[in-house]
């Protein structure tokens, strides 16, 4: 138990689990403060100065509860992929990137130079471990019979509150859900590049939270950079509040098609109970692609499980898919990124292959138009499918 401590200017890391086999500890109600991030960002134990955090975890299965972290380069940091085999006496006996989290609840990260919460590249799986936390089995992505080995039920980050950080989020994350998450006046409300469907089949990526920016505060911009990949991103009972808004309140497919990011880019964003009404007036609500390759501006789809989350429509496709106008879909204004809004059961379609077989052409409703070979469509509007 590490409880109710105050740490001031602790260099490199305030509290850390270093090797990867640490488990079932409780880190709770601690205040971890650095007077300036450069004071605490120092080389340590063979790591460079950028590998630091108020709470720094390689051993993931520990409860992190109601801590307050401020002033570090990174607040709560879980760089499992940086040490895939663990460290120290646990080296070669653990797989930190795939180790389940404990309970993560009620933490506050604020005024950190880069990230507040930064879960990096984590995919918790169903591990078998001995009493020392060493792994006996379970690190692979799939079980021997081919099933998704993602932890079920999914891990949950609960009641997280982040403000005045440049970034909040992850690069690549699966089988982790965010419940009652609040982002306020961060440089990026949330930052996420790639993810997957939940192994448990029922969890939501985000639910019951607030993405907010108070205009009177000079720091921050409201912009949620969301992930891409061949999956459904579930975004439920979320409220957008205030401004100013960046590219859009909710941007699908950050960096899609670029190194370290998701692909293919035809992610489905399934919205339910999303409240846009308290955004700053005339703000852009959604965006198809952000800092992506050309595919990322054409392929994402927004879907609604209700009559409000997409302005009364059940689906929106990119403005570059002009063939959907012939399907009775209506082109929207800039608030919806000029997308085509439909009340049709539109869904993504992926063909899988282990070798490139050249381009395919999809024909049928929505694609019976002349190909637009200019950027970013490159014929996608007429059903041209390139190998990714």
Protein backbone atom coordinates (compact mmCIF):
# COMPACT_ATOMS: atom_id res chain seq x y z
CA UNK A 1 0.00 0.00 0.00
CA UNK A 2 1.35 3.41 -1.04
CA UNK A 3 -1.22 5.79 0.39
CA UNK A 4 -1.67 9.49 1.24
CA UNK A 5 1.86 10.65 0.47
CA UNK A 6 3.01 14.02 -0.86
CA UNK A 7 5.95 13.91 -3.27
CA UNK A 8 7.65 17.13 -4.39
CA UNK A 9 10.18 17.31 -7.24
CA UNK A 10 10.84 13.58 -7.25
CA UNK A 11 13.23 13.15 -10.17
CA UNK A 12 12.29 10.93 -13.13
CA UNK A 13 9.41 9.13 -11.45
CA UNK A 14 7.35 9.84 -8.40
CA UNK A 15 6.02 6.31 -7.85
CA UNK A 16 6.93 3.45 -10.15
CA UNK A 17 6.55 -0.28 -10.73
CA UNK A 18 9.71 -1.06 -12.64
CA UNK A 19 10.17 -4.69 -13.64
CA UNK A 20 6.77 -5.90 -14.88
CA UNK A 21 5.85 -8.58 -12.36
CA UNK A 22 4.65 -6.18 -9.64
CA UNK A 23 0.99 -6.88 -8.94
CA UNK A 24 -1.86 -6.37 -6.48
CA UNK A 25 -0.40 -3.23 -4.94
CA UNK A 26 -2.53 -0.19 -4.14
CA UNK A 27 -1.32 3.29 -5.06
CA UNK A 28 -3.89 5.68 -3.64
CA UNK A 29 -4.54 9.27 -2.58
CA UNK A 30 -1.02 10.50 -3.32
CA UNK A 31 -0.14 14.05 -4.42
CA UNK A 32 2.83 13.96 -6.82
CA UNK A 33 4.05 17.39 -7.92
CA UNK A 34 6.98 18.68 -9.92
CA UNK A 35 7.75 22.40 -9.74
CA UNK A 36 8.69 22.36 -13.45
CA UNK A 37 8.80 19.40 -15.79
CA UNK A 38 12.46 20.01 -16.71
CA UNK A 39 13.42 19.67 -13.06
CA UNK A 40 12.07 16.12 -12.95
CA UNK A 41 12.84 14.99 -16.54
CA UNK A 42 16.27 13.47 -15.94
CA UNK A 43 17.99 10.26 -17.15
CA UNK A 44 17.50 7.39 -14.73
CA UNK A 45 18.32 3.69 -14.51
CA UNK A 46 19.49 3.58 -18.10
CA UNK A 47 16.43 5.41 -19.44
CA UNK A 48 16.50 8.71 -21.28
CA UNK A 49 15.09 11.86 -19.73
CA UNK A 50 11.84 11.65 -21.72
CA UNK A 51 10.93 8.33 -20.11
CA UNK A 52 9.51 9.66 -16.88
CA UNK A 53 6.21 10.13 -15.11
CA UNK A 54 4.51 11.08 -11.90
CA UNK A 55 3.31 7.47 -11.75
CA UNK A 56 5.35 5.22 -14.05
CA UNK A 57 4.21 1.63 -14.50
CA UNK A 58 5.78 -1.40 -16.16
CA UNK A 59 3.99 -3.71 -13.74
CA UNK A 60 0.38 -3.03 -14.73
CA UNK A 61 -1.84 -5.12 -12.45
CA UNK A 62 -1.98 -2.64 -9.59
CA UNK A 63 -4.79 -0.42 -8.35
CA UNK A 64 -4.21 3.29 -9.00
CA UNK A 65 -6.82 5.25 -7.08
CA UNK A 66 -7.56 8.94 -6.54
CA UNK A 67 -4.03 10.26 -7.07
CA UNK A 68 -3.18 13.84 -8.09
CA UNK A 69 -0.28 14.39 -10.50
CA UNK A 70 0.95 17.79 -11.72
CA UNK A 71 3.95 19.38 -13.35
CA UNK A 72 5.68 16.33 -14.88
CA UNK A 73 6.44 15.78 -18.54
CA UNK A 74 3.97 12.87 -18.35
CA UNK A 75 1.51 12.32 -15.54
CA UNK A 76 0.34 8.69 -15.36
CA UNK A 77 2.48 6.68 -17.82
CA UNK A 78 2.33 2.97 -18.76
CA UNK A 79 5.10 2.35 -21.37
CA UNK A 80 4.69 -1.40 -21.60
CA UNK A 81 5.68 -1.59 -25.26
CA UNK A 82 9.00 0.13 -24.52
CA UNK A 83 9.98 -2.86 -22.35
CA UNK A 84 8.14 -5.78 -23.97
CA UNK A 85 10.14 -8.38 -22.01
CA UNK A 86 10.11 -6.53 -18.71
CA UNK A 87 13.18 -5.44 -16.76
CA UNK A 88 15.47 -6.62 -13.98
CA UNK A 89 14.76 -10.04 -12.48
CA UNK A 90 11.49 -10.21 -14.42
CA UNK A 91 13.15 -9.85 -17.83
CA UNK A 92 11.93 -12.53 -20.22
CA UNK A 93 9.29 -13.71 -17.75
CA UNK A 94 6.60 -11.05 -18.36
CA UNK A 95 4.87 -9.24 -21.25
CA UNK A 96 4.03 -5.76 -19.88
CA UNK A 97 2.28 -4.51 -23.03
CA UNK A 98 -0.31 -7.29 -22.68
CA UNK A 99 -0.67 -7.33 -18.91
CA UNK A 100 -4.13 -6.41 -17.54
CA UNK A 101 -4.52 -3.26 -15.48
CA UNK A 102 -5.80 -3.24 -11.94
CA UNK A 103 -8.46 -0.72 -10.91
CA UNK A 104 -7.69 2.74 -12.32
CA UNK A 105 -10.15 5.19 -10.82
CA UNK A 106 -10.53 8.79 -9.75
CA UNK A 107 -7.11 10.09 -10.79
CA UNK A 108 -6.44 13.72 -11.75
CA UNK A 109 -3.62 14.78 -14.09
CA UNK A 110 -3.09 18.48 -14.68
CA UNK A 111 -0.49 20.95 -15.97
CA UNK A 112 1.82 18.26 -17.28
CA UNK A 113 4.05 19.38 -20.16
CA UNK A 114 3.14 16.60 -22.61
CA UNK A 115 0.62 14.01 -21.46
CA UNK A 116 -1.60 13.81 -18.45
CA UNK A 117 -2.89 10.24 -18.68
CA UNK A 118 -0.76 8.30 -21.19
CA UNK A 119 -1.50 4.59 -21.54
CA UNK A 120 0.79 4.40 -24.59
CA UNK A 121 0.37 1.04 -26.44
CA UNK A 122 -1.49 -1.41 -24.18
CA UNK A 123 -3.55 -4.49 -25.08
CA UNK A 124 -4.44 -6.36 -21.86
CA UNK A 125 -4.88 -10.10 -22.37
CA UNK A 126 -5.83 -13.19 -20.41
CA UNK A 127 -2.50 -14.07 -18.81
CA UNK A 128 -1.64 -17.05 -16.66
CA UNK A 129 0.82 -16.03 -13.93
CA UNK A 130 2.48 -17.64 -10.95
CA UNK A 131 2.62 -16.24 -7.42
CA UNK A 132 5.61 -14.06 -8.37
CA UNK A 133 3.79 -12.44 -11.24
CA UNK A 134 5.82 -14.30 -13.87
CA UNK A 135 3.87 -15.26 -16.97
CA UNK A 136 3.13 -18.90 -17.67
CA UNK A 137 1.05 -18.21 -20.80
CA UNK A 138 -1.48 -15.97 -22.48
CA UNK A 139 0.59 -13.22 -24.13
CA UNK A 140 -0.35 -13.96 -27.80
CA UNK A 141 -3.10 -12.00 -29.55
CA UNK A 142 -5.19 -15.11 -30.20
CA UNK A 143 -5.92 -18.26 -28.23
CA UNK A 144 -4.85 -21.64 -29.66
CA UNK A 145 -8.35 -22.09 -31.09
CA UNK A 146 -8.23 -18.70 -32.83
CA UNK A 147 -10.32 -16.59 -30.45
CA UNK A 148 -9.51 -13.00 -29.50
CA UNK A 149 -7.37 -13.16 -26.36
CA UNK A 150 -8.27 -9.64 -25.22
CA UNK A 151 -9.14 -9.47 -21.53
CA UNK A 152 -12.83 -10.05 -20.85
CA UNK A 153 -14.52 -8.19 -19.30
CA UNK A 154 -12.55 -5.22 -20.53
CA UNK A 155 -10.39 -3.13 -18.24
CA UNK A 156 -11.96 0.22 -17.32
CA UNK A 157 -10.45 3.63 -16.59
CA UNK A 158 -13.03 5.27 -14.32
CA UNK A 159 -13.68 8.88 -13.29
CA UNK A 160 -10.47 10.26 -14.82
CA UNK A 161 -10.14 14.06 -14.84
CA UNK A 162 -7.45 15.69 -16.96
CA UNK A 163 -6.87 19.40 -17.52
CA UNK A 164 -4.13 21.75 -18.75
CA UNK A 165 -2.05 19.00 -20.37
CA UNK A 166 -0.85 19.22 -23.98
CA UNK A 167 -2.11 15.68 -24.66
CA UNK A 168 -4.30 13.10 -22.96
CA UNK A 169 -4.64 9.56 -24.23
CA UNK A 170 -2.84 6.72 -25.98
CA UNK A 171 -1.23 5.70 -29.24
CA UNK A 172 -2.62 2.19 -29.59
CA UNK A 173 -5.05 0.64 -27.11
CA UNK A 174 -7.48 -2.26 -27.05
CA UNK A 175 -9.88 -3.84 -24.56
CA UNK A 176 -9.78 -0.78 -22.29
CA UNK A 177 -12.91 1.34 -21.76
CA UNK A 178 -13.20 4.88 -20.40
CA UNK A 179 -16.14 5.54 -18.07
CA UNK A 180 -17.11 9.01 -16.83
CA UNK A 181 -13.96 10.53 -18.30
CA UNK A 182 -13.63 14.35 -18.17
CA UNK A 183 -11.22 16.32 -20.34
CA UNK A 184 -11.08 20.07 -19.69
CA UNK A 185 -8.90 22.65 -21.47
CA UNK A 186 -6.22 20.31 -22.73
CA UNK A 187 -4.21 21.03 -25.87
CA UNK A 188 -5.80 17.88 -27.31
CA UNK A 189 -8.95 16.70 -25.53
CA UNK A 190 -7.99 13.13 -26.34
CA UNK A 191 -5.37 11.58 -28.61
CA UNK A 192 -5.73 8.03 -29.97
CA UNK A 193 -4.45 6.39 -33.17
CA UNK A 194 -5.59 2.79 -33.38
CA UNK A 195 -7.80 0.31 -31.53
CA UNK A 196 -10.01 -2.76 -32.00
CA UNK A 197 -13.37 -4.29 -31.20
CA UNK A 198 -13.73 -5.44 -27.61
CA UNK A 199 -13.17 -9.11 -26.95
CA UNK A 200 -16.08 -9.06 -24.51
CA UNK A 201 -18.44 -7.82 -27.26
CA UNK A 202 -20.28 -5.37 -25.02
CA UNK A 203 -17.97 -2.61 -23.77
CA UNK A 204 -17.86 0.96 -25.06
CA UNK A 205 -14.67 2.85 -25.81
CA UNK A 206 -16.13 5.95 -24.12
CA UNK A 207 -19.30 6.43 -22.16
CA UNK A 208 -20.89 8.90 -19.74
CA UNK A 209 -18.21 11.57 -20.00
CA UNK A 210 -17.50 15.21 -20.87
CA UNK A 211 -15.16 16.73 -23.45
CA UNK A 212 -14.96 20.40 -22.53
CA UNK A 213 -13.07 23.63 -23.08
CA UNK A 214 -13.74 26.90 -21.30
CA UNK A 215 -13.12 29.81 -23.67
CA UNK A 216 -12.20 32.18 -20.84
CA UNK A 217 -9.17 29.98 -20.12
CA UNK A 218 -6.43 30.80 -22.65
CA UNK A 219 -5.03 27.25 -22.53
CA UNK A 220 -6.50 24.44 -24.59
CA UNK A 221 -8.67 23.60 -27.56
CA UNK A 222 -11.60 21.21 -27.83
CA UNK A 223 -10.62 18.45 -30.26
CA UNK A 224 -10.94 14.72 -29.78
CA UNK A 225 -8.56 12.88 -32.13
CA UNK A 226 -10.02 9.40 -32.43
CA UNK A 227 -8.56 6.12 -33.73
CA UNK A 228 -9.03 4.15 -36.89
CA UNK A 229 -8.80 0.54 -38.01
CA UNK A 230 -11.24 -2.20 -39.04
CA UNK A 231 -13.49 -1.95 -35.99
CA UNK A 232 -16.44 -0.09 -34.43
CA UNK A 233 -15.58 2.78 -32.09
CA UNK A 234 -18.40 3.02 -29.54
CA UNK A 235 -18.99 6.52 -28.16
CA UNK A 236 -21.97 6.66 -25.80
CA UNK A 237 -23.60 9.31 -23.61
CA UNK A 238 -20.83 11.82 -24.20
CA UNK A 239 -21.23 15.59 -23.94
CA UNK A 240 -19.20 18.19 -25.83
CA UNK A 241 -19.09 21.51 -24.03
CA UNK A 242 -17.65 24.92 -24.91
CA UNK A 243 -14.85 25.88 -27.25
CA UNK A 244 -12.98 27.05 -29.17
CA UNK A 245 -13.02 23.89 -31.24
CA UNK A 246 -9.99 22.72 -33.25
CA UNK A 247 -10.42 20.86 -36.54
CA UNK A 248 -13.65 19.44 -35.12
CA UNK A 249 -15.01 18.25 -31.79
CA UNK A 250 -14.75 14.59 -32.85
CA UNK A 251 -12.21 13.66 -35.53
CA UNK A 252 -12.21 10.09 -36.87
CA UNK A 253 -9.02 8.38 -37.96
CA UNK A 254 -6.10 10.33 -36.57
CA UNK A 255 -2.94 9.68 -38.63
CA UNK A 256 -4.72 6.79 -40.36
CA UNK A 257 -2.47 5.10 -42.89
CA UNK A 258 0.69 6.57 -41.40
CA UNK A 259 3.34 4.71 -39.46
CA UNK A 260 2.22 3.64 -36.00
CA UNK A 261 -1.42 4.43 -36.68
CA UNK A 262 -4.53 2.47 -37.65
CA UNK A 263 -5.51 1.05 -40.99
CA UNK A 264 -7.53 0.28 -42.98
CA UNK A 265 -9.21 3.63 -42.47
CA UNK A 266 -12.85 2.51 -42.69
CA UNK A 267 -13.52 2.67 -38.97
CA UNK A 268 -17.17 2.98 -37.89
CA UNK A 269 -17.93 5.53 -35.16
CA UNK A 270 -21.13 4.39 -33.46
CA UNK A 271 -22.63 7.32 -31.57
CA UNK A 272 -25.43 7.14 -29.04
CA UNK A 273 -26.59 9.84 -26.66
CA UNK A 274 -24.01 12.34 -27.90
CA UNK A 275 -24.87 15.92 -26.91
CA UNK A 276 -23.51 18.66 -29.17
CA UNK A 277 -25.88 21.38 -28.00
CA UNK A 278 -23.43 23.07 -25.62
CA UNK A 279 -20.62 23.49 -28.13
CA UNK A 280 -19.58 27.03 -28.98
CA UNK A 281 -21.87 28.33 -31.73
CA UNK A 282 -21.00 27.38 -35.32
CA UNK A 283 -18.39 24.86 -34.29
CA UNK A 284 -17.59 21.87 -36.46
CA UNK A 285 -18.88 18.70 -34.84
CA UNK A 286 -17.21 15.87 -36.77
CA UNK A 287 -14.37 15.39 -39.20
CA UNK A 288 -13.55 12.53 -41.55
CA UNK A 289 -9.81 12.05 -41.05
CA UNK A 290 -7.26 14.23 -39.29
CA UNK A 291 -3.55 14.36 -40.23
CA UNK A 292 -4.21 11.14 -42.18
CA UNK A 293 -3.22 9.76 -45.57
CA UNK A 294 -5.75 10.17 -48.38
CA UNK A 295 -7.77 7.09 -47.37
CA UNK A 296 -8.43 8.63 -43.96
CA UNK A 297 -10.48 11.50 -45.42
CA UNK A 298 -12.73 9.19 -47.45
CA UNK A 299 -13.30 5.89 -45.66
CA UNK A 300 -14.46 6.54 -42.06
CA UNK A 301 -18.21 6.26 -41.33
CA UNK A 302 -20.26 7.84 -38.58
CA UNK A 303 -23.34 5.91 -37.39
CA UNK A 304 -26.01 6.78 -34.84
CA UNK A 305 -27.97 4.40 -32.63
CA UNK A 306 -30.51 7.16 -31.93
CA UNK A 307 -32.23 10.07 -33.67
CA UNK A 308 -30.11 12.87 -32.20
CA UNK A 309 -26.40 12.03 -32.27
CA UNK A 310 -26.08 12.69 -36.01
CA UNK A 311 -28.62 15.48 -36.40
CA UNK A 312 -31.55 13.16 -37.03
CA UNK A 313 -29.75 10.79 -39.42
CA UNK A 314 -28.50 7.27 -38.87
CA UNK A 315 -25.33 7.42 -40.99
CA UNK A 316 -22.89 9.88 -42.52
CA UNK A 317 -20.24 9.19 -45.14
CA UNK A 318 -17.47 11.43 -46.41
CA UNK A 319 -18.16 14.35 -48.74
CA UNK A 320 -15.87 12.62 -51.25
CA UNK A 321 -18.32 9.71 -51.70
CA UNK A 322 -20.57 11.73 -53.98
CA UNK A 323 -22.39 8.66 -55.32
CA UNK A 324 -24.42 8.52 -52.12
CA UNK A 325 -26.31 11.61 -53.25
CA UNK A 326 -28.10 9.32 -55.71
CA UNK A 327 -29.16 7.14 -52.77
CA UNK A 328 -31.21 9.96 -51.26
CA UNK A 329 -28.46 11.01 -48.87
CA UNK A 330 -28.28 14.75 -48.21
CA UNK A 331 -25.04 16.70 -48.14
CA UNK A 332 -24.58 18.62 -44.90
CA UNK A 333 -22.81 21.88 -44.07
CA UNK A 334 -19.35 22.34 -42.57
CA UNK A 335 -20.56 21.41 -39.07
CA UNK A 336 -20.82 17.83 -40.31
CA UNK A 337 -17.70 18.14 -42.50
CA UNK A 338 -19.95 18.42 -45.60
CA UNK A 339 -20.67 14.69 -45.31
CA UNK A 340 -23.60 12.89 -46.91
CA UNK A 341 -26.25 12.08 -44.29
CA UNK A 342 -28.47 9.07 -44.79
CA UNK A 343 -31.11 6.97 -43.10
CA UNK A 344 -29.69 3.81 -44.63
CA UNK A 345 -27.92 0.85 -42.96
CA UNK A 346 -24.46 1.78 -44.25
CA UNK A 347 -21.58 -0.31 -42.91
CA UNK A 348 -17.88 -0.82 -43.57
CA UNK A 349 -16.64 -3.64 -45.81
CA UNK A 350 -13.21 -5.25 -45.60
CA UNK A 351 -11.65 -7.92 -47.80
CA UNK A 352 -8.70 -9.71 -46.25
CA UNK A 353 -5.74 -11.25 -48.03
CA UNK A 354 -2.13 -12.08 -47.23
CA UNK A 355 -0.75 -10.99 -50.61
CA UNK A 356 -1.50 -8.03 -52.84
CA UNK A 357 -3.82 -8.99 -55.67
CA UNK A 358 -4.15 -5.61 -57.34
CA UNK A 359 -7.06 -3.23 -57.16
CA UNK A 360 -10.64 -4.39 -56.78
CA UNK A 361 -13.71 -2.43 -57.84
CA UNK A 362 -16.90 -2.41 -55.79
CA UNK A 363 -20.04 -1.80 -57.84
CA UNK A 364 -23.55 -1.06 -56.70
CA UNK A 365 -25.52 1.58 -54.79
CA UNK A 366 -23.43 4.58 -53.82
CA UNK A 367 -20.62 3.82 -56.25
CA UNK A 368 -22.29 4.17 -59.67
CA UNK A 369 -20.54 7.44 -60.52
CA UNK A 370 -17.54 8.50 -62.56
CA UNK A 371 -14.31 8.06 -60.63
CA UNK A 372 -12.76 11.16 -59.12
CA UNK A 373 -9.05 10.48 -59.49
CA UNK A 374 -7.98 13.64 -57.67
CA UNK A 375 -6.73 13.74 -54.06
CA UNK A 376 -8.04 12.42 -51.70
CA UNK A 377 -10.60 10.28 -53.51
CA UNK A 378 -8.29 8.60 -56.02
CA UNK A 379 -11.28 6.67 -57.40
CA UNK A 380 -12.65 5.52 -54.04
CA UNK A 381 -15.91 7.33 -54.81
CA UNK A 382 -16.47 4.90 -57.70
CA UNK A 383 -15.61 1.81 -55.66
CA UNK A 384 -11.90 1.45 -56.40
CA UNK A 385 -10.39 -0.60 -53.56
CA UNK A 386 -6.63 -0.54 -53.16
CA UNK A 387 -4.61 -3.03 -51.14
CA UNK A 388 -3.48 -1.54 -47.83
